[in-house]
Amino acid sequence: MAAAGPLLEARELCVRFPSGRTGPPVRAVDGVELAVQRGEILALVGETGSGKTTLARTLLGLERPSEGAVLFDGAKLGYGSGDLRAYRRRAQLILQDPTGALNPRQTVYESVAEGLRIHRTVSRKQSAGTTTTETDLVSDALAKAGLRPPENFFLSYPRELSGGQRQRVVIAGALALEPQLLIADEPVSSLDASIRGEILALLLRLRDELGLTILVVTHDLGLAWNIADRIAVMYLGRIVEAGTTEQVLLAPVHPYTQALLSVVPEIEEVEPVVLTGETPDPSRVPKGCRFHPRCQSLADGTAESAGVADRCTHEPLPVITTGDGHRAACWLSDRS
């Protein structure tokens, strides 16, 4: 029987960084409730500076939360070296820049085998009675990542590969450890447009064939449309809208989501929304709705007409969860 419940969860997760000797702390992640279901692809979207990457690093155990907890497979993540080592065999990160992620002095074989050696994967498998070798595992990972025949790539160096091939090597390094979870941080942003579709198709195939759970961090709603089952929209350290891909992208509720969607090139019939100003300083989160200083619905009088303008500017919204329902942290939406 399959295990019940989400594979990965964030509960009341906060990450704060000092901003100076006397200044208030930077609230990079500010009360996030997130659930990634088994076997799904969840896209975490938002502008640069919204807290997406800090949240992803915290979910991987690379940052320790100031408050709240990360749960994996129902168990709270521990931060001892043994706990994190065991967790990172099951949860792997794919970075956006494959050139920076790969050691230029290592061959493809060495790059993929590095994680196996760190985690003593071959020894553990042989102790369990298998005859698996390191070469078997490297070959299998490269093949799963679409580099076939794998032995043709063993002695290649990153400089000899295309951008798409380098990203496949990074993915193979993650797959070699047979993880349950992949967290992909802008996995195609550094690739040519002609290659992006191939990498997205690969992630979909890995989910379907291996049952992987994938969290994709991106600023690109077009990418989310092509790959995600569900979407969580992040702004200033908090998730402000969440639902299925169709719910969020075909019927966006939060004004921030509407603004992001209005500039997706593939959507021509939507009038562009120009947001005023920059994302506020996360050490000084605005009162009321954190989006209100830039909100087009407040600026054009929509919130005033609906009788919620004062709430928008003064009354904090509750933290939303990312369950199956369509939810938004907006006084206009009545879906918080």
C-alpha atoms as a PDB file:
ATOM      1  CA  MET A   1       0.000   0.000   0.000  1.00  0.00           C
ATOM      2  CA  ALA A   2       1.314   3.448  -0.938  1.00  0.00           C
ATOM      3  CA  ALA A   3       2.145   5.792   1.900  1.00  0.00           C
ATOM      4  CA  ALA A   4      -0.474   8.415   2.630  1.00  0.00           C
ATOM      5  CA  GLY A   5       0.028  12.145   2.896  1.00  0.00           C
ATOM      6  CA  PRO A   6       2.383  14.574   1.166  1.00  0.00           C
ATOM      7  CA  LEU A   7       5.985  13.581   0.521  1.00  0.00           C
ATOM      8  CA  LEU A   8       7.314  17.037   1.451  1.00  0.00           C
ATOM      9  CA  GLU A   9       5.789  19.655   3.739  1.00  0.00           C
ATOM     10  CA  ALA A  10       6.625  23.043   5.175  1.00  0.00           C
ATOM     11  CA  ARG A  11       4.721  23.947   8.316  1.00  0.00           C
ATOM     12  CA  GLU A  12       4.672  27.562   9.496  1.00  0.00           C
ATOM     13  CA  LEU A  13       8.151  27.877   7.984  1.00  0.00           C
ATOM     14  CA  CYS A  14      10.112  31.060   8.649  1.00  0.00           C
ATOM     15  CA  VAL A  15      13.677  31.942   7.675  1.00  0.00           C
ATOM     16  CA  ARG A  16      15.131  35.203   8.925  1.00  0.00           C
ATOM     17  CA  PHE A  17      18.535  36.737   8.294  1.00  0.00           C
ATOM     18  CA  PRO A  18      20.163  39.608  10.196  1.00  0.00           C
ATOM     19  CA  SER A  19      20.078  42.866   8.227  1.00  0.00           C
ATOM     20  CA  GLY A  20      22.564  44.853  10.308  1.00  0.00           C
ATOM     21  CA  ARG A  21      23.511  45.719  13.829  1.00  0.00           C
ATOM     22  CA  THR A  22      20.282  47.521  14.652  1.00  0.00           C
ATOM     23  CA  GLY A  23      17.930  46.839  11.740  1.00  0.00           C
ATOM     24  CA  PRO A  24      15.031  44.368  11.829  1.00  0.00           C
ATOM     25  CA  PRO A  25      15.734  40.878  10.443  1.00  0.00           C
ATOM     26  CA  VAL A  26      15.102  40.063   6.809  1.00  0.00           C
ATOM     27  CA  ARG A  27      11.996  37.851   6.618  1.00  0.00           C
ATOM     28  CA  ALA A  28      13.072  35.843   3.565  1.00  0.00           C
ATOM     29  CA  VAL A  29      10.492  33.115   4.247  1.00  0.00           C
ATOM     30  CA  ASP A  30       7.623  34.292   6.399  1.00  0.00           C
ATOM     31  CA  GLY A  31       5.138  31.663   7.529  1.00  0.00           C
ATOM     32  CA  VAL A  32       4.983  29.314   4.542  1.00  0.00           C
ATOM     33  CA  GLU A  33       2.595  26.365   4.515  1.00  0.00           C
ATOM     34  CA  LEU A  34       3.458  24.078   1.610  1.00  0.00           C
ATOM     35  CA  ALA A  35       2.587  20.476   0.722  1.00  0.00           C
ATOM     36  CA  VAL A  36       4.086  18.614  -2.237  1.00  0.00           C
ATOM     37  CA  GLN A  37       2.095  15.495  -2.997  1.00  0.00           C
ATOM     38  CA  ARG A  38       3.729  12.217  -3.994  1.00  0.00           C
ATOM     39  CA  GLY A  39       4.299  11.850  -7.704  1.00  0.00           C
ATOM     40  CA  GLU A  40       3.289  15.411  -8.610  1.00  0.00           C
ATOM     41  CA  ILE A  41       5.114  18.352 -10.136  1.00  0.00           C
ATOM     42  CA  LEU A  42       4.538  21.529  -8.150  1.00  0.00           C
ATOM     43  CA  ALA A  43       5.756  24.843  -9.572  1.00  0.00           C
ATOM     44  CA  LEU A  44       6.773  27.539  -7.097  1.00  0.00           C
ATOM     45  CA  VAL A  45       6.612  30.832  -9.002  1.00  0.00           C
ATOM     46  CA  GLY A  46       7.318  34.484  -8.267  1.00  0.00           C
ATOM     47  CA  GLU A  47       9.599  37.396  -9.050  1.00  0.00           C
ATOM     48  CA  THR A  48      13.267  37.543  -8.149  1.00  0.00           C
ATOM     49  CA  GLY A  49      13.454  38.366  -4.450  1.00  0.00           C
ATOM     50  CA  SER A  50      10.177  36.698  -3.544  1.00  0.00           C
ATOM     51  CA  GLY A  51      11.919  34.078  -1.390  1.00  0.00           C
ATOM     52  CA  LYS A  52      11.614  31.083  -3.749  1.00  0.00           C
ATOM     53  CA  THR A  53      15.262  30.033  -3.668  1.00  0.00           C
ATOM     54  CA  THR A  54      15.576  30.495   0.106  1.00  0.00           C
ATOM     55  CA  LEU A  55      12.497  28.334   0.558  1.00  0.00           C
ATOM     56  CA  ALA A  56      13.924  25.668  -1.765  1.00  0.00           C
ATOM     57  CA  ARG A  57      17.252  25.660   0.099  1.00  0.00           C
ATOM     58  CA  THR A  58      15.419  25.339   3.417  1.00  0.00           C
ATOM     59  CA  LEU A  59      13.338  22.447   2.110  1.00  0.00           C
ATOM     60  CA  LEU A  60      16.616  20.701   1.208  1.00  0.00           C
ATOM     61  CA  GLY A  61      18.149  21.331   4.630  1.00  0.00           C
ATOM     62  CA  LEU A  62      20.703  23.804   3.261  1.00  0.00           C
ATOM     63  CA  GLU A  63      19.211  26.565   5.425  1.00  0.00           C
ATOM     64  CA  ARG A  64      17.914  25.980   8.922  1.00  0.00           C
ATOM     65  CA  PRO A  65      14.487  27.494   9.639  1.00  0.00           C
ATOM     66  CA  SER A  66      14.132  30.198  12.265  1.00  0.00           C
ATOM     67  CA  GLU A  67      10.680  28.836  13.063  1.00  0.00           C
ATOM     68  CA  GLY A  68       8.485  26.005  11.849  1.00  0.00           C
ATOM     69  CA  ALA A  69       9.522  22.677  10.398  1.00  0.00           C
ATOM     70  CA  VAL A  70      10.210  20.732   7.228  1.00  0.00           C
ATOM     71  CA  LEU A  71       8.667  17.260   7.051  1.00  0.00           C
ATOM     72  CA  PHE A  72       9.719  14.554   4.612  1.00  0.00           C
ATOM     73  CA  ASP A  73       7.661  11.407   4.289  1.00  0.00           C
ATOM     74  CA  GLY A  74       5.799  12.407   7.446  1.00  0.00           C
ATOM     75  CA  ALA A  75       8.919  12.806   9.622  1.00  0.00           C
ATOM     76  CA  LYS A  76      10.372  16.092  10.826  1.00  0.00           C
ATOM     77  CA  LEU A  77      13.712  16.880   9.231  1.00  0.00           C
ATOM     78  CA  GLY A  78      16.615  16.709  11.658  1.00  0.00           C
ATOM     79  CA  TYR A  79      19.778  18.774  11.276  1.00  0.00           C
ATOM     80  CA  GLY A  80      22.447  16.421  12.567  1.00  0.00           C
ATOM     81  CA  SER A  81      25.045  15.411   9.973  1.00  0.00           C
ATOM     82  CA  GLY A  82      23.695  11.865   9.816  1.00  0.00           C
ATOM     83  CA  ASP A  83      20.118  13.077   9.396  1.00  0.00           C
ATOM     84  CA  LEU A  84      21.017  15.410   6.552  1.00  0.00           C
ATOM     85  CA  ARG A  85      23.205  12.834   4.802  1.00  0.00           C
ATOM     86  CA  ALA A  86      20.339  10.326   4.815  1.00  0.00           C
ATOM     87  CA  TYR A  87      17.869  12.974   3.648  1.00  0.00           C
ATOM     88  CA  ARG A  88      20.053  14.080   0.730  1.00  0.00           C
ATOM     89  CA  ARG A  89      20.092  10.572  -0.662  1.00  0.00           C
ATOM     90  CA  ARG A  90      16.322  10.918  -1.001  1.00  0.00           C
ATOM     91  CA  ALA A  91      16.076  14.593  -2.012  1.00  0.00           C
ATOM     92  CA  GLN A  92      18.297  16.071  -4.710  1.00  0.00           C
ATOM     93  CA  LEU A  93      18.822  19.587  -6.079  1.00  0.00           C
ATOM     94  CA  ILE A  94      19.124  20.494  -9.771  1.00  0.00           C
ATOM     95  CA  LEU A  95      20.695  23.918 -10.244  1.00  0.00           C
ATOM     96  CA  GLN A  96      19.870  26.364 -13.025  1.00  0.00           C
ATOM     97  CA  ASP A  97      23.426  26.721 -14.372  1.00  0.00           C
ATOM     98  CA  PRO A  98      24.853  23.337 -15.384  1.00  0.00           C
ATOM     99  CA  THR A  99      28.190  24.904 -16.311  1.00  0.00           C
ATOM    100  CA  GLY A 100      28.652  26.190 -12.768  1.00  0.00           C
ATOM    101  CA  ALA A 101      27.316  22.973 -11.242  1.00  0.00           C
ATOM    102  CA  LEU A 102      29.880  20.736 -12.979  1.00  0.00           C
ATOM    103  CA  ASN A 103      33.596  20.634 -12.164  1.00  0.00           C
ATOM    104  CA  PRO A 104      35.376  21.467 -15.444  1.00  0.00           C
ATOM    105  CA  ARG A 105      38.251  19.175 -14.459  1.00  0.00           C
ATOM    106  CA  GLN A 106      36.030  16.136 -13.962  1.00  0.00           C
ATOM    107  CA  THR A 107      34.807  13.832 -16.684  1.00  0.00           C
ATOM    108  CA  VAL A 108      31.114  13.046 -17.007  1.00  0.00           C
ATOM    109  CA  TYR A 109      31.722   9.709 -15.314  1.00  0.00           C
ATOM    110  CA  GLU A 110      33.441  11.340 -12.322  1.00  0.00           C
ATOM    111  CA  SER A 111      30.710  13.960 -11.996  1.00  0.00           C
ATOM    112  CA  VAL A 112      27.918  11.384 -11.880  1.00  0.00           C
ATOM    113  CA  ALA A 113      29.875   9.005  -9.645  1.00  0.00           C
ATOM    114  CA  GLU A 114      30.764  11.698  -7.091  1.00  0.00           C
ATOM    115  CA  GLY A 115      27.460  11.478  -5.208  1.00  0.00           C
ATOM    116  CA  LEU A 116      27.599   7.672  -5.232  1.00  0.00           C
ATOM    117  CA  ARG A 117      30.998   7.791  -3.565  1.00  0.00           C
ATOM    118  CA  ILE A 118      30.002  10.405  -0.994  1.00  0.00           C
ATOM    119  CA  HIS A 119      26.995   8.334   0.059  1.00  0.00           C
ATOM    120  CA  ARG A 120      28.768   4.955  -0.322  1.00  0.00           C
ATOM    121  CA  THR A 121      25.864   3.792  -2.462  1.00  0.00           C
ATOM    122  CA  VAL A 122      27.666   0.872  -4.098  1.00  0.00           C
ATOM    123  CA  SER A 123      28.860  -0.516  -0.740  1.00  0.00           C
ATOM    124  CA  ARG A 124      25.362  -0.288   0.706  1.00  0.00           C
ATOM    125  CA  LYS A 125      23.844  -2.059  -2.291  1.00  0.00           C
ATOM    126  CA  GLN A 126      26.471  -4.819  -2.213  1.00  0.00           C
ATOM    127  CA  SER A 127      25.927  -5.243   1.519  1.00  0.00           C
ATOM    128  CA  ALA A 128      22.278  -5.867   0.662  1.00  0.00           C
ATOM    129  CA  GLY A 129      23.347  -8.751  -1.575  1.00  0.00           C
ATOM    130  CA  THR A 130      23.419  -7.193  -5.059  1.00  0.00           C
ATOM    131  CA  THR A 131      26.287  -7.334  -7.553  1.00  0.00           C
ATOM    132  CA  THR A 132      25.751  -3.758  -8.706  1.00  0.00           C
ATOM    133  CA  THR A 133      28.906  -1.862  -9.628  1.00  0.00           C
ATOM    134  CA  GLU A 134      29.591   1.866  -9.763  1.00  0.00           C
ATOM    135  CA  THR A 135      29.772   1.693 -13.559  1.00  0.00           C
ATOM    136  CA  ASP A 136      26.325   0.077 -13.647  1.00  0.00           C
ATOM    137  CA  LEU A 137      24.820   2.906 -11.602  1.00  0.00           C
ATOM    138  CA  VAL A 138      26.525   5.669 -13.607  1.00  0.00           C
ATOM    139  CA  SER A 139      25.440   4.079 -16.894  1.00  0.00           C
ATOM    140  CA  ASP A 140      21.876   3.674 -15.716  1.00  0.00           C
ATOM    141  CA  ALA A 141      21.665   7.288 -14.508  1.00  0.00           C
ATOM    142  CA  LEU A 142      23.042   8.695 -17.766  1.00  0.00           C
ATOM    143  CA  ALA A 143      20.633   6.567 -19.794  1.00  0.00           C
ATOM    144  CA  LYS A 144      17.669   7.723 -17.706  1.00  0.00           C
ATOM    145  CA  ALA A 145      18.778  11.315 -18.299  1.00  0.00           C
ATOM    146  CA  GLY A 146      18.736  10.735 -22.061  1.00  0.00           C
ATOM    147  CA  LEU A 147      22.483  10.411 -22.700  1.00  0.00           C
ATOM    148  CA  ARG A 148      22.706   7.251 -24.759  1.00  0.00           C
ATOM    149  CA  PRO A 149      24.757   5.176 -25.193  1.00  0.00           C
ATOM    150  CA  PRO A 150      26.070   6.264 -21.795  1.00  0.00           C
ATOM    151  CA  GLU A 151      29.580   4.885 -22.275  1.00  0.00           C
ATOM    152  CA  ASN A 152      30.108   7.378 -25.104  1.00  0.00           C
ATOM    153  CA  PHE A 153      29.956  10.184 -22.530  1.00  0.00           C
ATOM    154  CA  PHE A 154      32.096   8.671 -19.756  1.00  0.00           C
ATOM    155  CA  LEU A 155      35.353  10.413 -20.719  1.00  0.00           C
ATOM    156  CA  SER A 156      33.841  13.679 -21.958  1.00  0.00           C
ATOM    157  CA  TYR A 157      34.450  16.959 -20.143  1.00  0.00           C
ATOM    158  CA  PRO A 158      31.755  19.610 -19.622  1.00  0.00           C
ATOM    159  CA  ARG A 159      33.373  21.950 -22.179  1.00  0.00           C
ATOM    160  CA  GLU A 160      32.857  19.289 -24.849  1.00  0.00           C
ATOM    161  CA  LEU A 161      29.096  19.111 -24.272  1.00  0.00           C
ATOM    162  CA  SER A 162      26.188  21.300 -25.292  1.00  0.00           C
ATOM    163  CA  GLY A 163      24.212  23.207 -22.658  1.00  0.00           C
ATOM    164  CA  GLY A 164      21.408  20.657 -22.830  1.00  0.00           C
ATOM    165  CA  GLN A 165      23.834  17.756 -22.444  1.00  0.00           C
ATOM    166  CA  ARG A 166      25.451  19.418 -19.423  1.00  0.00           C
ATOM    167  CA  GLN A 167      22.052  19.816 -17.783  1.00  0.00           C
ATOM    168  CA  ARG A 168      21.347  16.134 -18.462  1.00  0.00           C
ATOM    169  CA  VAL A 169      24.626  15.251 -16.715  1.00  0.00           C
ATOM    170  CA  VAL A 170      23.524  17.285 -13.675  1.00  0.00           C
ATOM    171  CA  ILE A 171      20.191  15.455 -13.696  1.00  0.00           C
ATOM    172  CA  ALA A 172      21.999  12.110 -14.047  1.00  0.00           C
ATOM    173  CA  GLY A 173      24.100  12.937 -10.979  1.00  0.00           C
ATOM    174  CA  ALA A 174      20.879  13.416  -9.027  1.00  0.00           C
ATOM    175  CA  LEU A 175      19.246  10.277 -10.427  1.00  0.00           C
ATOM    176  CA  ALA A 176      22.242   8.109  -9.566  1.00  0.00           C
ATOM    177  CA  LEU A 177      21.216   8.230  -5.899  1.00  0.00           C
ATOM    178  CA  GLU A 178      17.685   7.040  -6.741  1.00  0.00           C
ATOM    179  CA  PRO A 179      15.975   9.940  -4.937  1.00  0.00           C
ATOM    180  CA  GLN A 180      12.269  10.298  -4.286  1.00  0.00           C
ATOM    181  CA  LEU A 181      12.296  14.087  -4.625  1.00  0.00           C
ATOM    182  CA  LEU A 182      13.911  16.489  -7.090  1.00  0.00           C
ATOM    183  CA  ILE A 183      14.005  20.227  -6.431  1.00  0.00           C
ATOM    184  CA  ALA A 184      14.821  21.995  -9.687  1.00  0.00           C
ATOM    185  CA  ASP A 185      15.782  25.670  -9.338  1.00  0.00           C
ATOM    186  CA  GLU A 186      15.117  27.416 -12.685  1.00  0.00           C
ATOM    187  CA  PRO A 187      16.173  24.210 -14.510  1.00  0.00           C
ATOM    188  CA  VAL A 188      15.999  25.624 -18.054  1.00  0.00           C
ATOM    189  CA  SER A 189      16.584  29.367 -17.629  1.00  0.00           C
ATOM    190  CA  SER A 190      20.182  29.178 -18.885  1.00  0.00           C
ATOM    191  CA  LEU A 191      19.364  26.997 -21.902  1.00  0.00           C
ATOM    192  CA  ASP A 192      18.511  27.888 -25.480  1.00  0.00           C
ATOM    193  CA  ALA A 193      14.809  27.941 -26.277  1.00  0.00           C
ATOM    194  CA  SER A 194      15.223  24.939 -28.587  1.00  0.00           C
ATOM    195  CA  ILE A 195      16.572  22.824 -25.705  1.00  0.00           C
ATOM    196  CA  ARG A 196      14.177  23.889 -22.942  1.00  0.00           C
ATOM    197  CA  GLY A 197      11.318  21.745 -24.190  1.00  0.00           C
ATOM    198  CA  GLU A 198      13.547  18.664 -24.214  1.00  0.00           C
ATOM    199  CA  ILE A 199      14.569  19.130 -20.578  1.00  0.00           C
ATOM    200  CA  LEU A 200      10.983  19.780 -19.486  1.00  0.00           C
ATOM    201  CA  ALA A 201       9.870  16.663 -21.365  1.00  0.00           C
ATOM    202  CA  LEU A 202      12.628  14.735 -19.574  1.00  0.00           C
ATOM    203  CA  LEU A 203      11.382  15.877 -16.154  1.00  0.00           C
ATOM    204  CA  LEU A 204       7.846  14.831 -17.071  1.00  0.00           C
ATOM    205  CA  ARG A 205       9.086  11.428 -18.224  1.00  0.00           C
ATOM    206  CA  LEU A 206      11.069  10.919 -15.016  1.00  0.00           C
ATOM    207  CA  ARG A 207       7.968  11.703 -12.986  1.00  0.00           C
ATOM    208  CA  ASP A 208       5.862   9.262 -15.013  1.00  0.00           C
ATOM    209  CA  GLU A 209       8.389   6.418 -15.256  1.00  0.00           C
ATOM    210  CA  LEU A 210      10.144   6.651 -11.883  1.00  0.00           C
ATOM    211  CA  GLY A 211       7.341   8.102  -9.773  1.00  0.00           C
ATOM    212  CA  LEU A 212       9.506  11.058  -8.773  1.00  0.00           C
ATOM    213  CA  THR A 213       8.066  14.032  -6.942  1.00  0.00           C
ATOM    214  CA  ILE A 214       9.368  17.304  -8.378  1.00  0.00           C
ATOM    215  CA  LEU A 215       9.323  20.861  -7.062  1.00  0.00           C
ATOM    216  CA  VAL A 216      10.208  23.324  -9.832  1.00  0.00           C
ATOM    217  CA  VAL A 217      11.255  26.820  -8.779  1.00  0.00           C
ATOM    218  CA  THR A 218      10.700  29.339 -11.563  1.00  0.00           C
ATOM    219  CA  HIS A 219       9.716  32.903 -12.420  1.00  0.00           C
ATOM    220  CA  ASP A 220       8.219  31.673 -15.717  1.00  0.00           C
ATOM    221  CA  LEU A 221       4.478  30.988 -15.672  1.00  0.00           C
ATOM    222  CA  GLY A 222       4.724  29.665 -19.228  1.00  0.00           C
ATOM    223  CA  LEU A 223       7.081  26.943 -17.986  1.00  0.00           C
ATOM    224  CA  ALA A 224       4.715  26.183 -15.120  1.00  0.00           C
ATOM    225  CA  TRP A 225       1.834  25.777 -17.568  1.00  0.00           C
ATOM    226  CA  ASN A 226       3.809  23.199 -19.570  1.00  0.00           C
ATOM    227  CA  ILE A 227       5.002  21.044 -16.703  1.00  0.00           C
ATOM    228  CA  ALA A 228       3.171  21.552 -13.399  1.00  0.00           C
ATOM    229  CA  ASP A 229       0.203  19.784 -11.851  1.00  0.00           C
ATOM    230  CA  ARG A 230      -0.178  22.521  -9.242  1.00  0.00           C
ATOM    231  CA  ILE A 231       1.199  26.023  -8.762  1.00  0.00           C
ATOM    232  CA  ALA A 232       2.080  28.023  -5.651  1.00  0.00           C
ATOM    233  CA  VAL A 233       2.682  31.746  -6.199  1.00  0.00           C
ATOM    234  CA  MET A 234       5.128  33.379  -3.794  1.00  0.00           C
ATOM    235  CA  TYR A 235       5.460  37.059  -2.943  1.00  0.00           C
ATOM    236  CA  LEU A 236       7.637  38.669  -0.277  1.00  0.00           C
ATOM    237  CA  GLY A 237       8.291  35.454   1.623  1.00  0.00           C
ATOM    238  CA  ARG A 238       4.775  34.051   1.610  1.00  0.00           C
ATOM    239  CA  ILE A 239       2.563  32.003  -0.712  1.00  0.00           C
ATOM    240  CA  VAL A 240      -0.255  34.272  -1.912  1.00  0.00           C
ATOM    241  CA  GLU A 241      -2.113  31.939  -4.298  1.00  0.00           C
ATOM    242  CA  ALA A 242      -2.194  28.192  -4.821  1.00  0.00           C
ATOM    243  CA  GLY A 243      -4.223  25.652  -6.762  1.00  0.00           C
ATOM    244  CA  THR A 244      -4.125  23.391  -9.758  1.00  0.00           C
ATOM    245  CA  THR A 245      -2.360  24.751 -12.817  1.00  0.00           C
ATOM    246  CA  GLU A 246      -5.689  25.299 -14.573  1.00  0.00           C
ATOM    247  CA  GLN A 247      -7.169  27.104 -11.557  1.00  0.00           C
ATOM    248  CA  VAL A 248      -4.258  29.461 -11.088  1.00  0.00           C
ATOM    249  CA  LEU A 249      -3.461  30.217 -14.721  1.00  0.00           C
ATOM    250  CA  LEU A 250      -6.933  30.193 -16.269  1.00  0.00           C
ATOM    251  CA  ALA A 251      -8.736  31.915 -13.400  1.00  0.00           C
ATOM    252  CA  PRO A 252      -6.131  33.775 -11.315  1.00  0.00           C
ATOM    253  CA  VAL A 253      -7.592  35.451  -8.247  1.00  0.00           C
ATOM    254  CA  HIS A 254      -4.743  37.340  -6.608  1.00  0.00           C
ATOM    255  CA  PRO A 255      -3.829  40.648  -8.306  1.00  0.00           C
ATOM    256  CA  TYR A 256      -0.136  39.665  -8.152  1.00  0.00           C
ATOM    257  CA  THR A 257      -0.788  36.440 -10.067  1.00  0.00           C
ATOM    258  CA  GLN A 258      -2.872  38.374 -12.570  1.00  0.00           C
ATOM    259  CA  ALA A 259       0.016  40.782 -13.105  1.00  0.00           C
ATOM    260  CA  LEU A 260       2.534  37.978 -13.605  1.00  0.00           C
ATOM    261  CA  LEU A 261       0.212  36.230 -16.035  1.00  0.00           C
ATOM    262  CA  SER A 262      -0.467  39.362 -18.054  1.00  0.00           C
ATOM    263  CA  VAL A 263       3.105  39.487 -19.369  1.00  0.00           C
ATOM    264  CA  VAL A 264       3.367  35.836 -20.440  1.00  0.00           C
ATOM    265  CA  PRO A 265       4.072  36.103 -24.212  1.00  0.00           C
ATOM    266  CA  GLU A 266       1.818  33.168 -25.089  1.00  0.00           C
ATOM    267  CA  ILE A 267      -1.227  34.949 -23.642  1.00  0.00           C
ATOM    268  CA  GLU A 268      -2.108  37.763 -26.019  1.00  0.00           C
ATOM    269  CA  GLU A 269      -5.700  38.560 -25.065  1.00  0.00           C
ATOM    270  CA  VAL A 270      -4.840  39.684 -21.499  1.00  0.00           C
ATOM    271  CA  GLU A 271      -4.198  43.397 -20.994  1.00  0.00           C
ATOM    272  CA  PRO A 272      -0.693  43.868 -19.524  1.00  0.00           C
ATOM    273  CA  VAL A 273      -0.609  44.945 -15.879  1.00  0.00           C
ATOM    274  CA  VAL A 274       2.227  47.321 -15.012  1.00  0.00           C
ATOM    275  CA  LEU A 275       3.124  47.062 -11.332  1.00  0.00           C
ATOM    276  CA  THR A 276       4.425  50.239  -9.718  1.00  0.00           C
ATOM    277  CA  GLY A 277       7.539  50.189  -7.592  1.00  0.00           C
ATOM    278  CA  GLU A 278       9.784  47.342  -6.540  1.00  0.00           C
ATOM    279  CA  THR A 279       9.184  44.436  -4.183  1.00  0.00           C
ATOM    280  CA  PRO A 280       9.332  45.938  -0.651  1.00  0.00           C
ATOM    281  CA  ASP A 281      12.276  45.378   1.653  1.00  0.00           C
ATOM    282  CA  PRO A 282      11.665  41.968   3.337  1.00  0.00           C
ATOM    283  CA  SER A 283      12.920  43.418   6.612  1.00  0.00           C
ATOM    284  CA  ARG A 284      10.012  45.877   6.521  1.00  0.00           C
ATOM    285  CA  VAL A 285       6.983  43.938   5.317  1.00  0.00           C
ATOM    286  CA  PRO A 286       4.021  46.312   4.765  1.00  0.00           C
ATOM    287  CA  LYS A 287       1.049  46.250   7.119  1.00  0.00           C
ATOM    288  CA  GLY A 288      -2.116  44.594   5.910  1.00  0.00           C
ATOM    289  CA  CYS A 289      -1.737  42.746   2.627  1.00  0.00           C
ATOM    290  CA  ARG A 290       1.970  42.667   1.826  1.00  0.00           C
ATOM    291  CA  PHE A 291       1.186  43.335  -1.847  1.00  0.00           C
ATOM    292  CA  HIS A 292      -0.956  46.426  -1.272  1.00  0.00           C
ATOM    293  CA  PRO A 293       1.727  49.088  -2.085  1.00  0.00           C
ATOM    294  CA  ARG A 294       1.874  47.719  -5.662  1.00  0.00           C
ATOM    295  CA  CYS A 295      -1.659  46.371  -6.060  1.00  0.00           C
ATOM    296  CA  GLN A 296      -3.498  47.445  -9.205  1.00  0.00           C
ATOM    297  CA  SER A 297      -6.875  46.632  -7.629  1.00  0.00           C
ATOM    298  CA  LEU A 298      -6.192  49.090  -4.811  1.00  0.00           C
ATOM    299  CA  ALA A 299      -4.780  51.708  -7.180  1.00  0.00           C
ATOM    300  CA  ASP A 300      -7.718  51.638  -9.621  1.00  0.00           C
ATOM    301  CA  GLY A 301     -10.418  51.799  -6.938  1.00  0.00           C
ATOM    302  CA  THR A 302     -11.619  48.196  -7.234  1.00  0.00           C
ATOM    303  CA  ALA A 303     -10.809  47.465  -3.582  1.00  0.00           C
ATOM    304  CA  GLU A 304     -12.491  50.689  -2.490  1.00  0.00           C
ATOM    305  CA  SER A 305     -15.654  49.827  -4.429  1.00  0.00           C
ATOM    306  CA  ALA A 306     -15.687  46.386  -2.812  1.00  0.00           C
ATOM    307  CA  GLY A 307     -15.377  47.925   0.642  1.00  0.00           C
ATOM    308  CA  VAL A 308     -12.078  46.241   1.517  1.00  0.00           C
ATOM    309  CA  ALA A 309      -9.520  49.005   0.891  1.00  0.00           C
ATOM    310  CA  ASP A 310      -8.976  49.652   4.597  1.00  0.00           C
ATOM    311  CA  ARG A 311      -8.520  45.940   5.265  1.00  0.00           C
ATOM    312  CA  CYS A 312      -6.017  45.762   2.386  1.00  0.00           C
ATOM    313  CA  THR A 313      -3.804  48.406   3.941  1.00  0.00           C
ATOM    314  CA  HIS A 314      -4.185  47.576   7.642  1.00  0.00           C
ATOM    315  CA  GLU A 315      -5.444  44.049   8.344  1.00  0.00           C
ATOM    316  CA  PRO A 316      -3.007  41.122   7.982  1.00  0.00           C
ATOM    317  CA  LEU A 317      -4.188  38.182   5.910  1.00  0.00           C
ATOM    318  CA  PRO A 318      -4.055  34.627   7.235  1.00  0.00           C
ATOM    319  CA  VAL A 319      -1.364  32.288   5.901  1.00  0.00           C
ATOM    320  CA  ILE A 320      -2.819  30.079   3.184  1.00  0.00           C
ATOM    321  CA  THR A 321      -2.163  26.387   2.746  1.00  0.00           C
ATOM    322  CA  THR A 322      -1.475  24.681  -0.569  1.00  0.00           C
ATOM    323  CA  GLY A 323      -4.088  21.948  -0.491  1.00  0.00           C
ATOM    324  CA  ASP A 324      -6.145  20.789  -3.459  1.00  0.00           C
ATOM    325  CA  GLY A 325      -8.475  23.782  -3.335  1.00  0.00           C
ATOM    326  CA  HIS A 326      -7.884  27.086  -5.095  1.00  0.00           C
ATOM    327  CA  ARG A 327      -6.821  29.581  -2.428  1.00  0.00           C
ATOM    328  CA  ALA A 328      -5.581  33.165  -2.458  1.00  0.00           C
ATOM    329  CA  ALA A 329      -4.418  35.608   0.206  1.00  0.00           C
ATOM    330  CA  CYS A 330      -6.469  38.573  -0.990  1.00  0.00           C
ATOM    331  CA  TRP A 331      -9.317  40.424   0.753  1.00  0.00           C
ATOM    332  CA  LEU A 332     -11.060  40.765  -2.634  1.00  0.00           C
ATOM    333  CA  SER A 333     -11.040  37.036  -3.328  1.00  0.00           C
ATOM    334  CA  ASP A 334     -12.736  35.586  -0.231  1.00  0.00           C
ATOM    335  CA  ARG A 335     -10.530  32.489  -0.773  1.00  0.00           C
ATOM    336  CA  SER A 336      -7.969  32.916   1.976  1.00  0.00           C
END
